[in-house]
Amino acid sequence: HTSAHAPTRLTAQEILRSEGVDLGAVVI
């Protein structure tokens, strides 16, 4: 769950990727 007006969706992707998550398994 993100906020459309904030760039935090990119932050979420960076954190998940750094933990080894395949971003194909993620819905932002």
PDB file of all heavy atoms in Angstrom:
ATOM      1  N   HIS A   1       0.872  -1.178   0.000  1.00  0.00           N
ATOM      2  CA  HIS A   1       0.000   0.000   0.000  1.00  0.00           C
ATOM      3  C   HIS A   1       0.906   1.224   0.000  1.00  0.00           C
ATOM      4  O   HIS A   1       1.753   1.366   0.879  1.00  0.00           O
ATOM      5  CB  HIS A   1      -0.879  -0.020   1.250  1.00  0.00           C
ATOM      6  CG  HIS A   1      -1.684   1.215   1.438  1.00  0.00           C
ATOM      7  ND1 HIS A   1      -2.994   1.304   1.045  1.00  0.00           N
ATOM      8  CD2 HIS A   1      -1.351   2.415   1.966  1.00  0.00           C
ATOM      9  CE1 HIS A   1      -3.443   2.513   1.327  1.00  0.00           C
ATOM     10  NE2 HIS A   1      -2.465   3.206   1.893  1.00  0.00           N
ATOM     11  N   THR A   2       0.773   2.075  -1.008  1.00  0.00           N
ATOM     12  CA  THR A   2       1.580   3.283  -1.094  1.00  0.00           C
ATOM     13  C   THR A   2       0.675   4.494  -1.218  1.00  0.00           C
ATOM     14  O   THR A   2      -0.541   4.381  -1.190  1.00  0.00           O
ATOM     15  CB  THR A   2       2.536   3.244  -2.313  1.00  0.00           C
ATOM     16  OG1 THR A   2       1.754   3.258  -3.511  1.00  0.00           O
ATOM     17  CG2 THR A   2       3.423   2.023  -2.283  1.00  0.00           C
ATOM     18  N   SER A   3       1.284   5.622  -1.398  1.00  0.00           N
ATOM     19  CA  SER A   3       0.562   6.861  -1.606  1.00  0.00           C
ATOM     20  C   SER A   3       0.923   7.377  -2.996  1.00  0.00           C
ATOM     21  O   SER A   3       2.111   7.541  -3.302  1.00  0.00           O
ATOM     22  CB  SER A   3       0.964   7.876  -0.530  1.00  0.00           C
ATOM     23  OG  SER A   3       0.293   9.084  -0.726  1.00  0.00           O
ATOM     24  N   ALA A   4      -0.067   7.610  -3.827  1.00  0.00           N
ATOM     25  CA  ALA A   4       0.187   7.995  -5.218  1.00  0.00           C
ATOM     26  C   ALA A   4       0.992   9.287  -5.347  1.00  0.00           C
ATOM     27  O   ALA A   4       1.718   9.469  -6.312  1.00  0.00           O
ATOM     28  CB  ALA A   4      -1.135   8.136  -5.975  1.00  0.00           C
ATOM     29  N   HIS A   5       0.876  10.186  -4.380  1.00  0.00           N
ATOM     30  CA  HIS A   5       1.566  11.475  -4.500  1.00  0.00           C
ATOM     31  C   HIS A   5       3.001  11.450  -3.964  1.00  0.00           C
ATOM     32  O   HIS A   5       3.720  12.431  -4.090  1.00  0.00           O
ATOM     33  CB  HIS A   5       0.763  12.574  -3.794  1.00  0.00           C
ATOM     34  CG  HIS A   5       0.719  12.424  -2.311  1.00  0.00           C
ATOM     35  ND1 HIS A   5      -0.191  11.603  -1.682  1.00  0.00           N
ATOM     36  CD2 HIS A   5       1.480  12.955  -1.333  1.00  0.00           C
ATOM     37  CE1 HIS A   5       0.018  11.659  -0.388  1.00  0.00           C
ATOM     38  NE2 HIS A   5       1.020  12.464  -0.146  1.00  0.00           N
ATOM     39  N   ALA A   6       3.425  10.351  -3.362  1.00  0.00           N
ATOM     40  CA  ALA A   6       4.779  10.267  -2.809  1.00  0.00           C
ATOM     41  C   ALA A   6       5.593   9.226  -3.579  1.00  0.00           C
ATOM     42  O   ALA A   6       5.042   8.245  -4.056  1.00  0.00           O
ATOM     43  CB  ALA A   6       4.715   9.901  -1.335  1.00  0.00           C
ATOM     44  N   PRO A   7       6.888   9.426  -3.704  1.00  0.00           N
ATOM     45  CA  PRO A   7       7.719   8.469  -4.456  1.00  0.00           C
ATOM     46  C   PRO A   7       8.102   7.232  -3.647  1.00  0.00           C
ATOM     47  O   PRO A   7       9.028   6.524  -4.006  1.00  0.00           O
ATOM     48  CB  PRO A   7       8.958   9.302  -4.809  1.00  0.00           C
ATOM     49  CG  PRO A   7       9.076  10.269  -3.674  1.00  0.00           C
ATOM     50  CD  PRO A   7       7.648  10.593  -3.274  1.00  0.00           C
ATOM     51  N   THR A   8       7.378   6.943  -2.586  1.00  0.00           N
ATOM     52  CA  THR A   8       7.749   5.841  -1.710  1.00  0.00           C
ATOM     53  C   THR A   8       7.581   4.479  -2.368  1.00  0.00           C
ATOM     54  O   THR A   8       8.147   3.502  -1.879  1.00  0.00           O
ATOM     55  CB  THR A   8       6.950   5.894  -0.396  1.00  0.00           C
ATOM     56  OG1 THR A   8       5.556   5.982  -0.714  1.00  0.00           O
ATOM     57  CG2 THR A   8       7.374   7.084   0.448  1.00  0.00           C
ATOM     58  N   ARG A   9       6.850   4.386  -3.458  1.00  0.00           N
ATOM     59  CA  ARG A   9       6.733   3.103  -4.167  1.00  0.00           C
ATOM     60  C   ARG A   9       8.114   2.644  -4.648  1.00  0.00           C
ATOM     61  O   ARG A   9       8.401   1.460  -4.666  1.00  0.00           O
ATOM     62  CB  ARG A   9       5.733   3.191  -5.308  1.00  0.00           C
ATOM     63  CG  ARG A   9       6.109   4.198  -6.374  1.00  0.00           C
ATOM     64  CD  ARG A   9       4.950   4.455  -7.335  1.00  0.00           C
ATOM     65  NE  ARG A   9       5.212   5.592  -8.171  1.00  0.00           N
ATOM     66  CZ  ARG A   9       4.979   6.849  -7.846  1.00  0.00           C
ATOM     67  NH1 ARG A   9       4.477   7.140  -6.668  1.00  0.00           N
ATOM     68  NH2 ARG A   9       5.248   7.822  -8.674  1.00  0.00           N
ATOM     69  N   LEU A  10       8.966   3.599  -5.000  1.00  0.00           N
ATOM     70  CA  LEU A  10      10.330   3.261  -5.426  1.00  0.00           C
ATOM     71  C   LEU A  10      11.157   2.786  -4.230  1.00  0.00           C
ATOM     72  O   LEU A  10      11.943   1.841  -4.345  1.00  0.00           O
ATOM     73  CB  LEU A  10      10.983   4.463  -6.094  1.00  0.00           C
ATOM     74  CG  LEU A  10      10.263   4.995  -7.332  1.00  0.00           C
ATOM     75  CD1 LEU A  10      10.922   6.259  -7.843  1.00  0.00           C
ATOM     76  CD2 LEU A  10      10.205   3.936  -8.415  1.00  0.00           C
ATOM     77  N   THR A  11      10.954   3.415  -3.088  1.00  0.00           N
ATOM     78  CA  THR A  11      11.626   2.999  -1.864  1.00  0.00           C
ATOM     79  C   THR A  11      11.228   1.570  -1.511  1.00  0.00           C
ATOM     80  O   THR A  11      12.075   0.749  -1.147  1.00  0.00           O
ATOM     81  CB  THR A  11      11.264   3.954  -0.705  1.00  0.00           C
ATOM     82  OG1 THR A  11      11.588   5.290  -1.080  1.00  0.00           O
ATOM     83  CG2 THR A  11      11.984   3.580   0.570  1.00  0.00           C
ATOM     84  N   ALA A  12       9.948   1.279  -1.628  1.00  0.00           N
ATOM     85  CA  ALA A  12       9.466  -0.075  -1.332  1.00  0.00           C
ATOM     86  C   ALA A  12      10.146  -1.095  -2.232  1.00  0.00           C
ATOM     87  O   ALA A  12      10.605  -2.146  -1.771  1.00  0.00           O
ATOM     88  CB  ALA A  12       7.949  -0.134  -1.501  1.00  0.00           C
ATOM     89  N   GLN A  13      10.234  -0.785  -3.512  1.00  0.00           N
ATOM     90  CA  GLN A  13      10.882  -1.703  -4.448  1.00  0.00           C
ATOM     91  C   GLN A  13      12.352  -1.909  -4.083  1.00  0.00           C
ATOM     92  O   GLN A  13      12.851  -3.036  -4.133  1.00  0.00           O
ATOM     93  CB  GLN A  13      10.762  -1.176  -5.871  1.00  0.00           C
ATOM     94  CG  GLN A  13       9.344  -1.225  -6.398  1.00  0.00           C
ATOM     95  CD  GLN A  13       9.210  -0.582  -7.756  1.00  0.00           C
ATOM     96  OE1 GLN A  13      10.098  -0.690  -8.589  1.00  0.00           O
ATOM     97  NE2 GLN A  13       8.101   0.090  -7.983  1.00  0.00           N
ATOM     98  N   GLU A  14      13.033  -0.840  -3.722  1.00  0.00           N
ATOM     99  CA  GLU A  14      14.456  -0.950  -3.347  1.00  0.00           C
ATOM    100  C   GLU A  14      14.638  -1.857  -2.130  1.00  0.00           C
ATOM    101  O   GLU A  14      15.531  -2.704  -2.114  1.00  0.00           O
ATOM    102  CB  GLU A  14      15.030   0.436  -3.056  1.00  0.00           C
ATOM    103  CG  GLU A  14      15.178   1.316  -4.273  1.00  0.00           C
ATOM    104  CD  GLU A  14      15.523   2.765  -3.916  1.00  0.00           C
ATOM    105  OE1 GLU A  14      15.921   3.022  -2.756  1.00  0.00           O
ATOM    106  OE2 GLU A  14      15.392   3.627  -4.793  1.00  0.00           O
ATOM    107  N   ILE A  15      13.799  -1.676  -1.122  1.00  0.00           N
ATOM    108  CA  ILE A  15      13.912  -2.493   0.090  1.00  0.00           C
ATOM    109  C   ILE A  15      13.626  -3.959  -0.221  1.00  0.00           C
ATOM    110  O   ILE A  15      14.386  -4.850   0.174  1.00  0.00           O
ATOM    111  CB  ILE A  15      12.976  -1.963   1.194  1.00  0.00           C
ATOM    112  CG1 ILE A  15      13.487  -0.622   1.701  1.00  0.00           C
ATOM    113  CG2 ILE A  15      12.864  -2.975   2.343  1.00  0.00           C
ATOM    114  CD1 ILE A  15      12.524   0.085   2.608  1.00  0.00           C
ATOM    115  N   LEU A  16      12.537  -4.221  -0.924  1.00  0.00           N
ATOM    116  CA  LEU A  16      12.172  -5.602  -1.229  1.00  0.00           C
ATOM    117  C   LEU A  16      13.237  -6.274  -2.090  1.00  0.00           C
ATOM    118  O   LEU A  16      13.615  -7.428  -1.839  1.00  0.00           O
ATOM    119  CB  LEU A  16      10.791  -5.656  -1.889  1.00  0.00           C
ATOM    120  CG  LEU A  16       9.639  -5.171  -1.006  1.00  0.00           C
ATOM    121  CD1 LEU A  16       8.348  -5.108  -1.806  1.00  0.00           C
ATOM    122  CD2 LEU A  16       9.476  -6.050   0.229  1.00  0.00           C
ATOM    123  N   ARG A  17      13.739  -5.550  -3.084  1.00  0.00           N
ATOM    124  CA  ARG A  17      14.798  -6.106  -3.942  1.00  0.00           C
ATOM    125  C   ARG A  17      16.052  -6.408  -3.122  1.00  0.00           C
ATOM    126  O   ARG A  17      16.683  -7.447  -3.287  1.00  0.00           O
ATOM    127  CB  ARG A  17      15.134  -5.149  -5.085  1.00  0.00           C
ATOM    128  CG  ARG A  17      16.147  -5.754  -6.074  1.00  0.00           C
ATOM    129  CD  ARG A  17      16.556  -4.809  -7.196  1.00  0.00           C
ATOM    130  NE  ARG A  17      15.421  -4.385  -7.996  1.00  0.00           N
ATOM    131  CZ  ARG A  17      15.040  -3.106  -8.136  1.00  0.00           C
ATOM    132  NH1 ARG A  17      15.710  -2.131  -7.541  1.00  0.00           N
ATOM    133  NH2 ARG A  17      14.020  -2.802  -8.884  1.00  0.00           N
ATOM    134  N   SER A  18      16.400  -5.507  -2.191  1.00  0.00           N
ATOM    135  CA  SER A  18      17.602  -5.714  -1.378  1.00  0.00           C
ATOM    136  C   SER A  18      17.477  -6.940  -0.470  1.00  0.00           C
ATOM    137  O   SER A  18      18.480  -7.507  -0.058  1.00  0.00           O
ATOM    138  CB  SER A  18      17.914  -4.471  -0.541  1.00  0.00           C
ATOM    139  OG  SER A  18      17.034  -4.367   0.566  1.00  0.00           O
ATOM    140  N   GLU A  19      16.247  -7.345  -0.185  1.00  0.00           N
ATOM    141  CA  GLU A  19      16.008  -8.537   0.638  1.00  0.00           C
ATOM    142  C   GLU A  19      15.928  -9.808  -0.212  1.00  0.00           C
ATOM    143  O   GLU A  19      15.722 -10.891   0.318  1.00  0.00           O
ATOM    144  CB  GLU A  19      14.715  -8.377   1.441  1.00  0.00           C
ATOM    145  CG  GLU A  19      14.807  -7.353   2.539  1.00  0.00           C
ATOM    146  CD  GLU A  19      15.713  -7.793   3.686  1.00  0.00           C
ATOM    147  OE1 GLU A  19      15.725  -8.990   4.029  1.00  0.00           O
ATOM    148  OE2 GLU A  19      16.411  -6.916   4.240  1.00  0.00           O
ATOM    149  N   GLY A  20      16.060  -9.668  -1.535  1.00  0.00           N
ATOM    150  CA  GLY A  20      16.051 -10.837  -2.411  1.00  0.00           C
ATOM    151  C   GLY A  20      14.709 -11.183  -3.022  1.00  0.00           C
ATOM    152  O   GLY A  20      14.552 -12.257  -3.613  1.00  0.00           O
ATOM    153  N   VAL A  21      13.734 -10.288  -2.923  1.00  0.00           N
ATOM    154  CA  VAL A  21      12.408 -10.535  -3.488  1.00  0.00           C
ATOM    155  C   VAL A  21      12.434 -10.292  -4.989  1.00  0.00           C
ATOM    156  O   VAL A  21      12.955  -9.282  -5.462  1.00  0.00           O
ATOM    157  CB  VAL A  21      11.353  -9.622  -2.822  1.00  0.00           C
ATOM    158  CG1 VAL A  21      10.003  -9.725  -3.524  1.00  0.00           C
ATOM    159  CG2 VAL A  21      11.231  -9.940  -1.346  1.00  0.00           C
ATOM    160  N   ASP A  22      11.869 -11.230  -5.753  1.00  0.00           N
ATOM    161  CA  ASP A  22      11.652 -11.035  -7.185  1.00  0.00           C
ATOM    162  C   ASP A  22      10.484 -10.060  -7.316  1.00  0.00           C
ATOM    163  O   ASP A  22       9.362 -10.357  -6.874  1.00  0.00           O
ATOM    164  CB  ASP A  22      11.316 -12.370  -7.845  1.00  0.00           C
ATOM    165  CG  ASP A  22      10.906 -12.248  -9.301  1.00  0.00           C
ATOM    166  OD1 ASP A  22      10.905 -11.133  -9.868  1.00  0.00           O
ATOM    167  OD2 ASP A  22      10.570 -13.297  -9.885  1.00  0.00           O
ATOM    168  N   LEU A  23      10.727  -8.895  -7.885  1.00  0.00           N
ATOM    169  CA  LEU A  23       9.679  -7.869  -7.950  1.00  0.00           C
ATOM    170  C   LEU A  23       8.501  -8.283  -8.822  1.00  0.00           C
ATOM    171  O   LEU A  23       7.451  -7.641  -8.785  1.00  0.00           O
ATOM    172  CB  LEU A  23      10.273  -6.539  -8.409  1.00  0.00           C
ATOM    173  CG  LEU A  23      11.282  -5.922  -7.441  1.00  0.00           C
ATOM    174  CD1 LEU A  23      11.759  -4.567  -7.961  1.00  0.00           C
ATOM    175  CD2 LEU A  23      10.719  -5.792  -6.039  1.00  0.00           C
ATOM    176  N   GLY A  24       8.626  -9.373  -9.556  1.00  0.00           N
ATOM    177  CA  GLY A  24       7.483  -9.914 -10.291  1.00  0.00           C
ATOM    178  C   GLY A  24       6.415 -10.472  -9.362  1.00  0.00           C
ATOM    179  O   GLY A  24       5.282 -10.695  -9.779  1.00  0.00           O
ATOM    180  N   ALA A  25       6.761 -10.676  -8.103  1.00  0.00           N
ATOM    181  CA  ALA A  25       5.819 -11.182  -7.110  1.00  0.00           C
ATOM    182  C   ALA A  25       5.239 -10.058  -6.257  1.00  0.00           C
ATOM    183  O   ALA A  25       4.604 -10.313  -5.243  1.00  0.00           O
ATOM    184  CB  ALA A  25       6.518 -12.203  -6.209  1.00  0.00           C
ATOM    185  N   VAL A  26       5.448  -8.805  -6.688  1.00  0.00           N
ATOM    186  CA  VAL A  26       5.044  -7.641  -5.894  1.00  0.00           C
ATOM    187  C   VAL A  26       4.052  -6.795  -6.682  1.00  0.00           C
ATOM    188  O   VAL A  26       4.254  -6.518  -7.868  1.00  0.00           O
ATOM    189  CB  VAL A  26       6.277  -6.775  -5.528  1.00  0.00           C
ATOM    190  CG1 VAL A  26       5.853  -5.525  -4.769  1.00  0.00           C
ATOM    191  CG2 VAL A  26       7.288  -7.593  -4.737  1.00  0.00           C
ATOM    192  N   VAL A  27       2.980  -6.391  -6.019  1.00  0.00           N
ATOM    193  CA  VAL A  27       2.037  -5.421  -6.573  1.00  0.00           C
ATOM    194  C   VAL A  27       2.172  -4.155  -5.748  1.00  0.00           C
ATOM    195  O   VAL A  27       2.052  -4.196  -4.521  1.00  0.00           O
ATOM    196  CB  VAL A  27       0.579  -5.926  -6.524  1.00  0.00           C
ATOM    197  CG1 VAL A  27      -0.401  -4.818  -6.908  1.00  0.00           C
ATOM    198  CG2 VAL A  27       0.396  -7.131  -7.421  1.00  0.00           C
ATOM    199  N   ILE A  28       2.460  -3.055  -6.425  1.00  0.00           N
ATOM    200  CA  ILE A  28       2.549  -1.755  -5.756  1.00  0.00           C
ATOM    201  C   ILE A  28       1.196  -1.072  -5.930  1.00  0.00           C
ATOM    202  O   ILE A  28       0.825  -0.683  -7.030  1.00  0.00           O
ATOM    203  CB  ILE A  28       3.676  -0.880  -6.350  1.00  0.00           C
ATOM    204  CG1 ILE A  28       5.020  -1.606  -6.305  1.00  0.00           C
ATOM    205  CG2 ILE A  28       3.725   0.466  -5.640  1.00  0.00           C
ATOM    206  CD1 ILE A  28       5.575  -1.838  -4.929  1.00  0.00           C
TER     207      ILE A  28
END
